[in-house]
Amino acid sequence: MVKSYAQTICLKNDPRGIEEYKRHHADCWPEVLGALKAVGVLRMKIFLLETRMFMYMETEDSFDPEVDFPRHLEMSPRCVEWGKLMSTFQTPAPEAKAGEWWAYMEEVYDFESQWDAKLGPRGSIG
């Protein structure tokens, strides 16, 4: 089984900083990649619109964000360094709860589950 998560955060309104943030993510540090994989992250994508970011993540079923995100930081000082560096570019979304950095988003639609429910796993239209 796979779990999925969506989160949002904003980047500071600084065009140079946004470009630097994007450059860092175009060449993520191997220690960060390895630690995320080790704690159960299977897929992760981050999208950007102006200063608003959206992260989509799929994880192993055993993944627990409250346990595994902190655990990945313990795997390498480079992960801590990456987190501190990235936070210099970020600011919580206005909708974030008190103390929340990346705000979790509610899933309101899943194409695959609707397809399976209405047409079956191998269903077809027409």
PDB file of N, CA and C in Angstrom:
ATOM      1  N   MET A   1       0.846  -1.186   0.000  1.00  0.00           N
ATOM      2  CA  MET A   1       0.000   0.000   0.000  1.00  0.00           C
ATOM      3  C   MET A   1       0.888   1.245   0.000  1.00  0.00           C
ATOM      4  N   VAL A   2       0.396   2.293  -0.603  1.00  0.00           N
ATOM      5  CA  VAL A   2       1.132   3.552  -0.697  1.00  0.00           C
ATOM      6  C   VAL A   2       0.260   4.664  -0.119  1.00  0.00           C
ATOM      7  N   LYS A   3       0.872   5.553   0.638  1.00  0.00           N
ATOM      8  CA  LYS A   3       0.178   6.738   1.149  1.00  0.00           C
ATOM      9  C   LYS A   3       0.582   7.935   0.291  1.00  0.00           C
ATOM     10  N   SER A   4      -0.305   8.901   0.200  1.00  0.00           N
ATOM     11  CA  SER A   4       0.053  10.130  -0.500  1.00  0.00           C
ATOM     12  C   SER A   4      -0.201  11.330   0.404  1.00  0.00           C
ATOM     13  N   TYR A   5       0.609  12.349   0.213  1.00  0.00           N
ATOM     14  CA  TYR A   5       0.537  13.577   1.002  1.00  0.00           C
ATOM     15  C   TYR A   5       0.661  14.774   0.070  1.00  0.00           C
ATOM     16  N   ALA A   6       0.018  15.856   0.440  1.00  0.00           N
ATOM     17  CA  ALA A   6       0.187  17.126  -0.252  1.00  0.00           C
ATOM     18  C   ALA A   6       0.428  18.190   0.809  1.00  0.00           C
ATOM     19  N   GLN A   7       1.399  19.038   0.526  1.00  0.00           N
ATOM     20  CA  GLN A   7       1.723  20.102   1.460  1.00  0.00           C
ATOM     21  C   GLN A   7       1.973  21.382   0.684  1.00  0.00           C
ATOM     22  N   THR A   8       1.831  22.492   1.364  1.00  0.00           N
ATOM     23  CA  THR A   8       2.098  23.780   0.734  1.00  0.00           C
ATOM     24  C   THR A   8       2.925  24.659   1.667  1.00  0.00           C
ATOM     25  N   ILE A   9       3.686  25.520   1.047  1.00  0.00           N
ATOM     26  CA  ILE A   9       4.498  26.518   1.744  1.00  0.00           C
ATOM     27  C   ILE A   9       4.729  27.641   0.740  1.00  0.00           C
ATOM     28  N   CYS A  10       5.213  28.755   1.184  1.00  0.00           N
ATOM     29  CA  CYS A  10       5.519  29.852   0.266  1.00  0.00           C
ATOM     30  C   CYS A  10       7.023  30.127   0.280  1.00  0.00           C
ATOM     31  N   LEU A  11       7.495  30.648  -0.815  1.00  0.00           N
ATOM     32  CA  LEU A  11       8.852  31.173  -0.855  1.00  0.00           C
ATOM     33  C   LEU A  11       8.770  32.672  -0.590  1.00  0.00           C
ATOM     34  N   LYS A  12       9.820  33.201  -0.016  1.00  0.00           N
ATOM     35  CA  LYS A  12       9.875  34.643   0.195  1.00  0.00           C
ATOM     36  C   LYS A  12       9.846  35.324  -1.174  1.00  0.00           C
ATOM     37  N   ASN A  13       9.216  36.464  -1.235  1.00  0.00           N
ATOM     38  CA  ASN A  13       9.061  37.178  -2.500  1.00  0.00           C
ATOM     39  C   ASN A  13      10.376  37.865  -2.870  1.00  0.00           C
ATOM     40  N   ASP A  14      11.315  37.059  -3.357  1.00  0.00           N
ATOM     41  CA  ASP A  14      12.648  37.513  -3.728  1.00  0.00           C
ATOM     42  C   ASP A  14      13.051  36.743  -4.989  1.00  0.00           C
ATOM     43  N   PRO A  15      12.940  37.369  -6.163  1.00  0.00           N
ATOM     44  CA  PRO A  15      13.223  36.645  -7.407  1.00  0.00           C
ATOM     45  C   PRO A  15      14.583  35.948  -7.433  1.00  0.00           C
ATOM     46  N   ARG A  16      15.608  36.580  -6.907  1.00  0.00           N
ATOM     47  CA  ARG A  16      16.934  35.936  -6.870  1.00  0.00           C
ATOM     48  C   ARG A  16      16.928  34.726  -5.946  1.00  0.00           C
ATOM     49  N   GLY A  17      16.293  34.862  -4.802  1.00  0.00           N
ATOM     50  CA  GLY A  17      16.194  33.746  -3.863  1.00  0.00           C
ATOM     51  C   GLY A  17      15.405  32.586  -4.442  1.00  0.00           C
ATOM     52  N   ILE A  18      14.339  32.892  -5.162  1.00  0.00           N
ATOM     53  CA  ILE A  18      13.533  31.849  -5.788  1.00  0.00           C
ATOM     54  C   ILE A  18      14.362  31.097  -6.821  1.00  0.00           C
ATOM     55  N   GLU A  19      15.130  31.811  -7.610  1.00  0.00           N
ATOM     56  CA  GLU A  19      15.989  31.155  -8.606  1.00  0.00           C
ATOM     57  C   GLU A  19      17.048  30.287  -7.925  1.00  0.00           C
ATOM     58  N   GLU A  20      17.607  30.779  -6.821  1.00  0.00           N
ATOM     59  CA  GLU A  20      18.599  29.988  -6.080  1.00  0.00           C
ATOM     60  C   GLU A  20      17.960  28.728  -5.506  1.00  0.00           C
ATOM     61  N   TYR A  21      16.766  28.857  -4.965  1.00  0.00           N
ATOM     62  CA  TYR A  21      16.029  27.708  -4.436  1.00  0.00           C
ATOM     63  C   TYR A  21      15.827  26.660  -5.525  1.00  0.00           C
ATOM     64  N   LYS A  22      15.413  27.103  -6.696  1.00  0.00           N
ATOM     65  CA  LYS A  22      15.205  26.192  -7.820  1.00  0.00           C
ATOM     66  C   LYS A  22      16.517  25.525  -8.239  1.00  0.00           C
ATOM     67  N   ARG A  23      17.606  26.278  -8.249  1.00  0.00           N
ATOM     68  CA  ARG A  23      18.924  25.695  -8.595  1.00  0.00           C
ATOM     69  C   ARG A  23      19.309  24.593  -7.602  1.00  0.00           C
ATOM     70  N   HIS A  24      19.089  24.845  -6.327  1.00  0.00           N
ATOM     71  CA  HIS A  24      19.408  23.824  -5.322  1.00  0.00           C
ATOM     72  C   HIS A  24      18.589  22.553  -5.578  1.00  0.00           C
ATOM     73  N   HIS A  25      17.328  22.714  -5.884  1.00  0.00           N
ATOM     74  CA  HIS A  25      16.475  21.541  -6.101  1.00  0.00           C
ATOM     75  C   HIS A  25      16.768  20.835  -7.427  1.00  0.00           C
ATOM     76  N   ALA A  26      17.381  21.530  -8.344  1.00  0.00           N
ATOM     77  CA  ALA A  26      17.785  20.890  -9.602  1.00  0.00           C
ATOM     78  C   ALA A  26      18.992  19.978  -9.389  1.00  0.00           C
ATOM     79  N   ASP A  27      19.653  20.136  -8.236  1.00  0.00           N
ATOM     80  CA  ASP A  27      20.847  19.341  -7.933  1.00  0.00           C
ATOM     81  C   ASP A  27      20.868  19.007  -6.438  1.00  0.00           C
ATOM     82  N   CYS A  28      19.835  18.298  -5.990  1.00  0.00           N
ATOM     83  CA  CYS A  28      19.681  17.958  -4.570  1.00  0.00           C
ATOM     84  C   CYS A  28      20.865  17.108  -4.087  1.00  0.00           C
ATOM     85  N   TRP A  29      21.246  17.315  -2.857  1.00  0.00           N
ATOM     86  CA  TRP A  29      22.385  16.606  -2.288  1.00  0.00           C
ATOM     87  C   TRP A  29      22.069  15.115  -2.123  1.00  0.00           C
ATOM     88  N   PRO A  30      23.011  14.249  -2.457  1.00  0.00           N
ATOM     89  CA  PRO A  30      22.791  12.796  -2.363  1.00  0.00           C
ATOM     90  C   PRO A  30      22.388  12.324  -0.963  1.00  0.00           C
ATOM     91  N   GLU A  31      22.931  12.954   0.066  1.00  0.00           N
ATOM     92  CA  GLU A  31      22.599  12.556   1.438  1.00  0.00           C
ATOM     93  C   GLU A  31      21.122  12.787   1.737  1.00  0.00           C
ATOM     94  N   VAL A  32      20.569  13.855   1.198  1.00  0.00           N
ATOM     95  CA  VAL A  32      19.152  14.174   1.398  1.00  0.00           C
ATOM     96  C   VAL A  32      18.292  13.156   0.658  1.00  0.00           C
ATOM     97  N   LEU A  33      18.652  12.886  -0.587  1.00  0.00           N
ATOM     98  CA  LEU A  33      17.911  11.893  -1.370  1.00  0.00           C
ATOM     99  C   LEU A  33      17.921  10.536  -0.676  1.00  0.00           C
ATOM    100  N   GLY A  34      19.102  10.097  -0.227  1.00  0.00           N
ATOM    101  CA  GLY A  34      19.231   8.796   0.420  1.00  0.00           C
ATOM    102  C   GLY A  34      18.439   8.697   1.710  1.00  0.00           C
ATOM    103  N   ALA A  35      18.451   9.760   2.506  1.00  0.00           N
ATOM    104  CA  ALA A  35      17.732   9.744   3.781  1.00  0.00           C
ATOM    105  C   ALA A  35      16.220   9.716   3.558  1.00  0.00           C
ATOM    106  N   LEU A  36      15.735  10.491   2.597  1.00  0.00           N
ATOM    107  CA  LEU A  36      14.301  10.468   2.313  1.00  0.00           C
ATOM    108  C   LEU A  36      13.861   9.089   1.836  1.00  0.00           C
ATOM    109  N   LYS A  37      14.662   8.484   0.981  1.00  0.00           N
ATOM    110  CA  LYS A  37      14.346   7.132   0.495  1.00  0.00           C
ATOM    111  C   LYS A  37      14.370   6.144   1.661  1.00  0.00           C
ATOM    112  N   ALA A  38      15.349   6.278   2.545  1.00  0.00           N
ATOM    113  CA  ALA A  38      15.504   5.350   3.674  1.00  0.00           C
ATOM    114  C   ALA A  38      14.322   5.395   4.639  1.00  0.00           C
ATOM    115  N   VAL A  39      13.675   6.549   4.781  1.00  0.00           N
ATOM    116  CA  VAL A  39      12.537   6.635   5.708  1.00  0.00           C
ATOM    117  C   VAL A  39      11.207   6.281   5.040  1.00  0.00           C
ATOM    118  N   GLY A  40      11.244   5.992   3.722  1.00  0.00           N
ATOM    119  CA  GLY A  40      10.038   5.507   3.075  1.00  0.00           C
ATOM    120  C   GLY A  40       9.419   6.396   2.018  1.00  0.00           C
ATOM    121  N   VAL A  41      10.109   7.467   1.630  1.00  0.00           N
ATOM    122  CA  VAL A  41       9.584   8.312   0.550  1.00  0.00           C
ATOM    123  C   VAL A  41       9.842   7.607  -0.775  1.00  0.00           C
ATOM    124  N   LEU A  42       8.782   7.405  -1.535  1.00  0.00           N
ATOM    125  CA  LEU A  42       8.888   6.733  -2.832  1.00  0.00           C
ATOM    126  C   LEU A  42       8.922   7.735  -3.986  1.00  0.00           C
ATOM    127  N   ARG A  43       8.113   8.769  -3.870  1.00  0.00           N
ATOM    128  CA  ARG A  43       8.048   9.822  -4.891  1.00  0.00           C
ATOM    129  C   ARG A  43       7.831  11.151  -4.195  1.00  0.00           C
ATOM    130  N   MET A  44       8.445  12.187  -4.754  1.00  0.00           N
ATOM    131  CA  MET A  44       8.235  13.528  -4.230  1.00  0.00           C
ATOM    132  C   MET A  44       8.398  14.499  -5.385  1.00  0.00           C
ATOM    133  N   LYS A  45       7.422  15.383  -5.530  1.00  0.00           N
ATOM    134  CA  LYS A  45       7.487  16.433  -6.541  1.00  0.00           C
ATOM    135  C   LYS A  45       7.087  17.738  -5.887  1.00  0.00           C
ATOM    136  N   ILE A  46       7.764  18.806  -6.275  1.00  0.00           N
ATOM    137  CA  ILE A  46       7.432  20.139  -5.781  1.00  0.00           C
ATOM    138  C   ILE A  46       7.135  21.012  -6.990  1.00  0.00           C
ATOM    139  N   PHE A  47       6.009  21.714  -6.916  1.00  0.00           N
ATOM    140  CA  PHE A  47       5.580  22.614  -7.977  1.00  0.00           C
ATOM    141  C   PHE A  47       5.578  24.037  -7.435  1.00  0.00           C
ATOM    142  N   LEU A  48       5.792  25.003  -8.314  1.00  0.00           N
ATOM    143  CA  LEU A  48       5.882  26.400  -7.901  1.00  0.00           C
ATOM    144  C   LEU A  48       5.021  27.271  -8.807  1.00  0.00           C
ATOM    145  N   LEU A  49       4.257  28.170  -8.206  1.00  0.00           N
ATOM    146  CA  LEU A  49       3.518  29.207  -8.916  1.00  0.00           C
ATOM    147  C   LEU A  49       3.786  30.506  -8.184  1.00  0.00           C
ATOM    148  N   GLU A  50       4.537  31.390  -8.812  1.00  0.00           N
ATOM    149  CA  GLU A  50       4.985  32.626  -8.194  1.00  0.00           C
ATOM    150  C   GLU A  50       5.725  32.300  -6.902  1.00  0.00           C
ATOM    151  N   THR A  51       5.121  32.559  -5.733  1.00  0.00           N
ATOM    152  CA  THR A  51       5.807  32.225  -4.479  1.00  0.00           C
ATOM    153  C   THR A  51       5.183  31.016  -3.779  1.00  0.00           C
ATOM    154  N   ARG A  52       4.068  30.500  -4.301  1.00  0.00           N
ATOM    155  CA  ARG A  52       3.363  29.370  -3.670  1.00  0.00           C
ATOM    156  C   ARG A  52       3.942  28.052  -4.161  1.00  0.00           C
ATOM    157  N   MET A  53       4.302  27.205  -3.207  1.00  0.00           N
ATOM    158  CA  MET A  53       4.802  25.885  -3.551  1.00  0.00           C
ATOM    159  C   MET A  53       3.807  24.821  -3.093  1.00  0.00           C
ATOM    160  N   PHE A  54       3.779  23.751  -3.867  1.00  0.00           N
ATOM    161  CA  PHE A  54       2.936  22.595  -3.590  1.00  0.00           C
ATOM    162  C   PHE A  54       3.820  21.360  -3.709  1.00  0.00           C
ATOM    163  N   MET A  55       3.828  20.526  -2.673  1.00  0.00           N
ATOM    164  CA  MET A  55       4.613  19.291  -2.699  1.00  0.00           C
ATOM    165  C   MET A  55       3.670  18.105  -2.660  1.00  0.00           C
ATOM    166  N   TYR A  56       3.874  17.190  -3.605  1.00  0.00           N
ATOM    167  CA  TYR A  56       3.141  15.931  -3.633  1.00  0.00           C
ATOM    168  C   TYR A  56       4.135  14.824  -3.323  1.00  0.00           C
ATOM    169  N   MET A  57       3.730  13.922  -2.433  1.00  0.00           N
ATOM    170  CA  MET A  57       4.639  12.873  -2.005  1.00  0.00           C
ATOM    171  C   MET A  57       3.884  11.561  -1.850  1.00  0.00           C
ATOM    172  N   GLU A  58       4.495  10.489  -2.319  1.00  0.00           N
ATOM    173  CA  GLU A  58       3.994   9.137  -2.071  1.00  0.00           C
ATOM    174  C   GLU A  58       5.020   8.426  -1.215  1.00  0.00           C
ATOM    175  N   THR A  59       4.513   7.665  -0.225  1.00  0.00           N
ATOM    176  CA  THR A  59       5.392   6.998   0.726  1.00  0.00           C
ATOM    177  C   THR A  59       4.954   5.553   0.930  1.00  0.00           C
ATOM    178  N   GLU A  60       5.849   4.805   1.545  1.00  0.00           N
ATOM    179  CA  GLU A  60       5.471   3.467   1.999  1.00  0.00           C
ATOM    180  C   GLU A  60       4.352   3.621   3.033  1.00  0.00           C
ATOM    181  N   ASP A  61       3.545   2.594   3.168  1.00  0.00           N
ATOM    182  CA  ASP A  61       2.404   2.634   4.073  1.00  0.00           C
ATOM    183  C   ASP A  61       2.814   2.889   5.522  1.00  0.00           C
ATOM    184  N   SER A  62       4.011   2.448   5.894  1.00  0.00           N
ATOM    185  CA  SER A  62       4.473   2.604   7.277  1.00  0.00           C
ATOM    186  C   SER A  62       4.971   4.015   7.586  1.00  0.00           C
ATOM    187  N   PHE A  63       5.078   4.875   6.585  1.00  0.00           N
ATOM    188  CA  PHE A  63       5.597   6.233   6.776  1.00  0.00           C
ATOM    189  C   PHE A  63       4.684   7.035   7.697  1.00  0.00           C
ATOM    190  N   ASP A  64       5.298   7.707   8.662  1.00  0.00           N
ATOM    191  CA  ASP A  64       4.599   8.607   9.577  1.00  0.00           C
ATOM    192  C   ASP A  64       5.352   9.936   9.553  1.00  0.00           C
ATOM    193  N   PRO A  65       4.761  10.985   8.998  1.00  0.00           N
ATOM    194  CA  PRO A  65       5.489  12.253   8.860  1.00  0.00           C
ATOM    195  C   PRO A  65       6.048  12.799  10.170  1.00  0.00           C
ATOM    196  N   GLU A  66       5.305  12.620  11.263  1.00  0.00           N
ATOM    197  CA  GLU A  66       5.761  13.157  12.547  1.00  0.00           C
ATOM    198  C   GLU A  66       6.999  12.429  13.065  1.00  0.00           C
ATOM    199  N   VAL A  67       7.178  11.179  12.650  1.00  0.00           N
ATOM    200  CA  VAL A  67       8.325  10.378  13.077  1.00  0.00           C
ATOM    201  C   VAL A  67       9.423  10.395  12.013  1.00  0.00           C
ATOM    202  N   ASP A  68       9.032  10.199  10.763  1.00  0.00           N
ATOM    203  CA  ASP A  68      10.014   9.947   9.718  1.00  0.00           C
ATOM    204  C   ASP A  68      10.680  11.190   9.148  1.00  0.00           C
ATOM    205  N   PHE A  69      10.015  12.326   9.116  1.00  0.00           N
ATOM    206  CA  PHE A  69      10.721  13.537   8.691  1.00  0.00           C
ATOM    207  C   PHE A  69      11.830  13.883   9.688  1.00  0.00           C
ATOM    208  N   PRO A  70      11.562  13.897  11.003  1.00  0.00           N
ATOM    209  CA  PRO A  70      12.665  14.129  11.942  1.00  0.00           C
ATOM    210  C   PRO A  70      13.739  13.029  11.856  1.00  0.00           C
ATOM    211  N   ARG A  71      13.320  11.789  11.634  1.00  0.00           N
ATOM    212  CA  ARG A  71      14.283  10.688  11.557  1.00  0.00           C
ATOM    213  C   ARG A  71      15.233  10.855  10.376  1.00  0.00           C
ATOM    214  N   HIS A  72      14.737  11.349   9.253  1.00  0.00           N
ATOM    215  CA  HIS A  72      15.627  11.530   8.099  1.00  0.00           C
ATOM    216  C   HIS A  72      16.705  12.574   8.399  1.00  0.00           C
ATOM    217  N   LEU A  73      16.385  13.561   9.238  1.00  0.00           N
ATOM    218  CA  LEU A  73      17.379  14.569   9.605  1.00  0.00           C
ATOM    219  C   LEU A  73      18.526  13.975  10.418  1.00  0.00           C
ATOM    220  N   GLU A  74      18.229  12.931  11.183  1.00  0.00           N
ATOM    221  CA  GLU A  74      19.247  12.295  12.024  1.00  0.00           C
ATOM    222  C   GLU A  74      20.231  11.444  11.219  1.00  0.00           C
ATOM    223  N   MET A  75      19.938  11.186   9.976  1.00  0.00           N
ATOM    224  CA  MET A  75      20.759  10.285   9.173  1.00  0.00           C
ATOM    225  C   MET A  75      22.022  10.930   8.634  1.00  0.00           C
ATOM    226  N   SER A  76      22.051  12.254   8.564  1.00  0.00           N
ATOM    227  CA  SER A  76      23.241  12.924   8.042  1.00  0.00           C
ATOM    228  C   SER A  76      23.214  14.394   8.441  1.00  0.00           C
ATOM    229  N   PRO A  77      24.358  14.911   8.856  1.00  0.00           N
ATOM    230  CA  PRO A  77      24.429  16.356   9.117  1.00  0.00           C
ATOM    231  C   PRO A  77      24.083  17.170   7.868  1.00  0.00           C
ATOM    232  N   ARG A  78      24.291  16.593   6.683  1.00  0.00           N
ATOM    233  CA  ARG A  78      23.964  17.290   5.440  1.00  0.00           C
ATOM    234  C   ARG A  78      22.448  17.492   5.318  1.00  0.00           C
ATOM    235  N   CYS A  79      21.654  16.570   5.851  1.00  0.00           N
ATOM    236  CA  CYS A  79      20.196  16.733   5.820  1.00  0.00           C
ATOM    237  C   CYS A  79      19.777  17.918   6.683  1.00  0.00           C
ATOM    238  N   VAL A  80      20.397  18.056   7.826  1.00  0.00           N
ATOM    239  CA  VAL A  80      20.122  19.197   8.709  1.00  0.00           C
ATOM    240  C   VAL A  80      20.544  20.487   8.007  1.00  0.00           C
ATOM    241  N   GLU A  81      21.722  20.458   7.398  1.00  0.00           N
ATOM    242  CA  GLU A  81      22.224  21.631   6.676  1.00  0.00           C
ATOM    243  C   GLU A  81      21.268  22.017   5.538  1.00  0.00           C
ATOM    244  N   TRP A  82      20.801  21.008   4.789  1.00  0.00           N
ATOM    245  CA  TRP A  82      19.852  21.253   3.689  1.00  0.00           C
ATOM    246  C   TRP A  82      18.572  21.907   4.229  1.00  0.00           C
ATOM    247  N   GLY A  83      18.030  21.350   5.302  1.00  0.00           N
ATOM    248  CA  GLY A  83      16.809  21.893   5.882  1.00  0.00           C
ATOM    249  C   GLY A  83      16.971  23.339   6.328  1.00  0.00           C
ATOM    250  N   LYS A  84      18.085  23.636   6.963  1.00  0.00           N
ATOM    251  CA  LYS A  84      18.338  25.009   7.416  1.00  0.00           C
ATOM    252  C   LYS A  84      18.489  25.949   6.219  1.00  0.00           C
ATOM    253  N   LEU A  85      19.205  25.506   5.190  1.00  0.00           N
ATOM    254  CA  LEU A  85      19.399  26.323   4.003  1.00  0.00           C
ATOM    255  C   LEU A  85      18.066  26.590   3.310  1.00  0.00           C
ATOM    256  N   MET A  86      17.258  25.542   3.121  1.00  0.00           N
ATOM    257  CA  MET A  86      15.981  25.717   2.425  1.00  0.00           C
ATOM    258  C   MET A  86      15.045  26.632   3.200  1.00  0.00           C
ATOM    259  N   SER A  87      15.097  26.568   4.530  1.00  0.00           N
ATOM    260  CA  SER A  87      14.206  27.406   5.341  1.00  0.00           C
ATOM    261  C   SER A  87      14.525  28.890   5.190  1.00  0.00           C
ATOM    262  N   THR A  88      15.726  29.234   4.752  1.00  0.00           N
ATOM    263  CA  THR A  88      16.054  30.649   4.544  1.00  0.00           C
ATOM    264  C   THR A  88      15.294  31.234   3.363  1.00  0.00           C
ATOM    265  N   PHE A  89      14.806  30.387   2.471  1.00  0.00           N
ATOM    266  CA  PHE A  89      14.056  30.842   1.305  1.00  0.00           C
ATOM    267  C   PHE A  89      12.542  30.790   1.537  1.00  0.00           C
ATOM    268  N   GLN A  90      12.110  30.064   2.552  1.00  0.00           N
ATOM    269  CA  GLN A  90      10.700  29.741   2.729  1.00  0.00           C
ATOM    270  C   GLN A  90      10.031  30.585   3.811  1.00  0.00           C
ATOM    271  N   THR A  91       8.716  30.618   3.730  1.00  0.00           N
ATOM    272  CA  THR A  91       7.888  31.206   4.774  1.00  0.00           C
ATOM    273  C   THR A  91       6.573  30.417   4.798  1.00  0.00           C
ATOM    274  N   PRO A  92       6.016  30.151   5.958  1.00  0.00           N
ATOM    275  CA  PRO A  92       4.778  29.355   5.995  1.00  0.00           C
ATOM    276  C   PRO A  92       3.668  29.993   5.168  1.00  0.00           C
ATOM    277  N   ALA A  93       2.816  29.153   4.607  1.00  0.00           N
ATOM    278  CA  ALA A  93       1.639  29.633   3.889  1.00  0.00           C
ATOM    279  C   ALA A  93       0.705  30.335   4.871  1.00  0.00           C
ATOM    280  N   PRO A  94      -0.044  31.328   4.418  1.00  0.00           N
ATOM    281  CA  PRO A  94      -0.960  32.024   5.326  1.00  0.00           C
ATOM    282  C   PRO A  94      -1.936  31.083   6.023  1.00  0.00           C
ATOM    283  N   GLU A  95      -2.255  29.951   5.386  1.00  0.00           N
ATOM    284  CA  GLU A  95      -3.211  29.001   5.955  1.00  0.00           C
ATOM    285  C   GLU A  95      -2.593  28.039   6.971  1.00  0.00           C
ATOM    286  N   ALA A  96      -1.287  28.083   7.132  1.00  0.00           N
ATOM    287  CA  ALA A  96      -0.609  27.165   8.050  1.00  0.00           C
ATOM    288  C   ALA A  96      -1.086  27.378   9.483  1.00  0.00           C
ATOM    289  N   LYS A  97      -1.180  26.269  10.210  1.00  0.00           N
ATOM    290  CA  LYS A  97      -1.539  26.336  11.624  1.00  0.00           C
ATOM    291  C   LYS A  97      -0.344  26.861  12.411  1.00  0.00           C
ATOM    292  N   ALA A  98      -0.580  27.310  13.614  1.00  0.00           N
ATOM    293  CA  ALA A  98       0.498  27.809  14.475  1.00  0.00           C
ATOM    294  C   ALA A  98       1.561  26.727  14.639  1.00  0.00           C
ATOM    295  N   GLY A  99       2.813  27.086  14.399  1.00  0.00           N
ATOM    296  CA  GLY A  99       3.924  26.150  14.540  1.00  0.00           C
ATOM    297  C   GLY A  99       4.129  25.229  13.346  1.00  0.00           C
ATOM    298  N   GLU A 100       3.275  25.320  12.344  1.00  0.00           N
ATOM    299  CA  GLU A 100       3.382  24.454  11.164  1.00  0.00           C
ATOM    300  C   GLU A 100       4.240  25.163  10.113  1.00  0.00           C
ATOM    301  N   TRP A 101       5.204  24.449   9.545  1.00  0.00           N
ATOM    302  CA  TRP A 101       6.051  25.024   8.500  1.00  0.00           C
ATOM    303  C   TRP A 101       5.424  24.719   7.146  1.00  0.00           C
ATOM    304  N   TRP A 102       5.534  23.477   6.672  1.00  0.00           N
ATOM    305  CA  TRP A 102       4.785  23.028   5.501  1.00  0.00           C
ATOM    306  C   TRP A 102       3.381  22.684   5.986  1.00  0.00           C
ATOM    307  N   ALA A 103       2.363  23.246   5.371  1.00  0.00           N
ATOM    308  CA  ALA A 103       0.982  22.986   5.775  1.00  0.00           C
ATOM    309  C   ALA A 103       0.428  21.801   4.978  1.00  0.00           C
ATOM    310  N   TYR A 104      -0.164  20.855   5.689  1.00  0.00           N
ATOM    311  CA  TYR A 104      -0.774  19.693   5.032  1.00  0.00           C
ATOM    312  C   TYR A 104      -2.076  20.102   4.364  1.00  0.00           C
ATOM    313  N   MET A 105      -2.319  19.533   3.194  1.00  0.00           N
ATOM    314  CA  MET A 105      -3.511  19.838   2.414  1.00  0.00           C
ATOM    315  C   MET A 105      -4.453  18.634   2.427  1.00  0.00           C
ATOM    316  N   GLU A 106      -5.739  18.905   2.377  1.00  0.00           N
ATOM    317  CA  GLU A 106      -6.754  17.858   2.366  1.00  0.00           C
ATOM    318  C   GLU A 106      -6.938  17.332   0.938  1.00  0.00           C
ATOM    319  N   GLU A 107      -6.971  16.024   0.799  1.00  0.00           N
ATOM    320  CA  GLU A 107      -7.261  15.428  -0.500  1.00  0.00           C
ATOM    321  C   GLU A 107      -8.764  15.515  -0.747  1.00  0.00           C
ATOM    322  N   VAL A 108      -9.151  16.079  -1.884  1.00  0.00           N
ATOM    323  CA  VAL A 108     -10.570  16.199  -2.202  1.00  0.00           C
ATOM    324  C   VAL A 108     -10.951  15.444  -3.475  1.00  0.00           C
ATOM    325  N   TYR A 109      -9.971  14.937  -4.204  1.00  0.00           N
ATOM    326  CA  TYR A 109     -10.268  14.193  -5.433  1.00  0.00           C
ATOM    327  C   TYR A 109      -9.126  13.233  -5.731  1.00  0.00           C
ATOM    328  N   ASP A 110      -9.511  12.020  -6.145  1.00  0.00           N
ATOM    329  CA  ASP A 110      -8.547  10.996  -6.543  1.00  0.00           C
ATOM    330  C   ASP A 110      -9.100  10.302  -7.791  1.00  0.00           C
ATOM    331  N   PHE A 111      -8.539  10.630  -8.926  1.00  0.00           N
ATOM    332  CA  PHE A 111      -8.995  10.072 -10.206  1.00  0.00           C
ATOM    333  C   PHE A 111      -9.018   8.554 -10.168  1.00  0.00           C
ATOM    334  N   GLU A 112      -7.937   7.955  -9.704  1.00  0.00           N
ATOM    335  CA  GLU A 112      -7.809   6.491  -9.720  1.00  0.00           C
ATOM    336  C   GLU A 112      -8.899   5.807  -8.892  1.00  0.00           C
ATOM    337  N   SER A 113      -9.156   6.303  -7.681  1.00  0.00           N
ATOM    338  CA  SER A 113     -10.174   5.655  -6.847  1.00  0.00           C
ATOM    339  C   SER A 113     -11.561   5.834  -7.445  1.00  0.00           C
ATOM    340  N   GLN A 114     -11.828   6.988  -8.050  1.00  0.00           N
ATOM    341  CA  GLN A 114     -13.125   7.184  -8.694  1.00  0.00           C
ATOM    342  C   GLN A 114     -13.261   6.280  -9.921  1.00  0.00           C
ATOM    343  N   TRP A 115     -12.197   6.178 -10.699  1.00  0.00           N
ATOM    344  CA  TRP A 115     -12.211   5.290 -11.871  1.00  0.00           C
ATOM    345  C   TRP A 115     -12.515   3.859 -11.439  1.00  0.00           C
ATOM    346  N   ASP A 116     -11.771   3.384 -10.447  1.00  0.00           N
ATOM    347  CA  ASP A 116     -11.954   2.011  -9.977  1.00  0.00           C
ATOM    348  C   ASP A 116     -13.368   1.791  -9.429  1.00  0.00           C
ATOM    349  N   ALA A 117     -13.905   2.767  -8.700  1.00  0.00           N
ATOM    350  CA  ALA A 117     -15.229   2.635  -8.097  1.00  0.00           C
ATOM    351  C   ALA A 117     -16.327   2.621  -9.156  1.00  0.00           C
ATOM    352  N   LYS A 118     -16.155   3.388 -10.194  1.00  0.00           N
ATOM    353  CA  LYS A 118     -17.203   3.509 -11.201  1.00  0.00           C
ATOM    354  C   LYS A 118     -17.047   2.539 -12.364  1.00  0.00           C
ATOM    355  N   LEU A 119     -15.809   2.207 -12.727  1.00  0.00           N
ATOM    356  CA  LEU A 119     -15.561   1.390 -13.917  1.00  0.00           C
ATOM    357  C   LEU A 119     -14.782   0.118 -13.635  1.00  0.00           C
ATOM    358  N   GLY A 120     -14.322  -0.051 -12.398  1.00  0.00           N
ATOM    359  CA  GLY A 120     -13.512  -1.220 -12.066  1.00  0.00           C
ATOM    360  C   GLY A 120     -12.063  -0.990 -12.441  1.00  0.00           C
ATOM    361  N   PRO A 121     -11.151  -1.756 -11.858  1.00  0.00           N
ATOM    362  CA  PRO A 121      -9.716  -1.550 -12.094  1.00  0.00           C
ATOM    363  C   PRO A 121      -9.316  -1.638 -13.565  1.00  0.00           C
ATOM    364  N   ARG A 122     -10.041  -2.381 -14.338  1.00  0.00           N
ATOM    365  CA  ARG A 122      -9.700  -2.494 -15.748  1.00  0.00           C
ATOM    366  C   ARG A 122     -10.825  -1.942 -16.627  1.00  0.00           C
ATOM    367  N   GLY A 123     -11.630  -1.094 -16.011  1.00  0.00           N
ATOM    368  CA  GLY A 123     -12.788  -0.535 -16.715  1.00  0.00           C
ATOM    369  C   GLY A 123     -12.408   0.289 -17.926  1.00  0.00           C
ATOM    370  N   SER A 124     -13.347   0.474 -18.794  1.00  0.00           N
ATOM    371  CA  SER A 124     -13.134   1.328 -19.954  1.00  0.00           C
ATOM    372  C   SER A 124     -14.405   2.100 -20.243  1.00  0.00           C
ATOM    373  N   ILE A 125     -14.248   3.199 -20.914  1.00  0.00           N
ATOM    374  CA  ILE A 125     -15.376   4.040 -21.306  1.00  0.00           C
ATOM    375  C   ILE A 125     -15.668   3.751 -22.770  1.00  0.00           C
ATOM    376  N   GLY A 126     -16.973   3.600 -23.075  1.00  0.00           N
ATOM    377  CA  GLY A 126     -17.348   3.450 -24.473  1.00  0.00           C
ATOM    378  C   GLY A 126     -17.650   2.111 -24.862  1.00  0.00           C
TER     379      GLY A 126
END
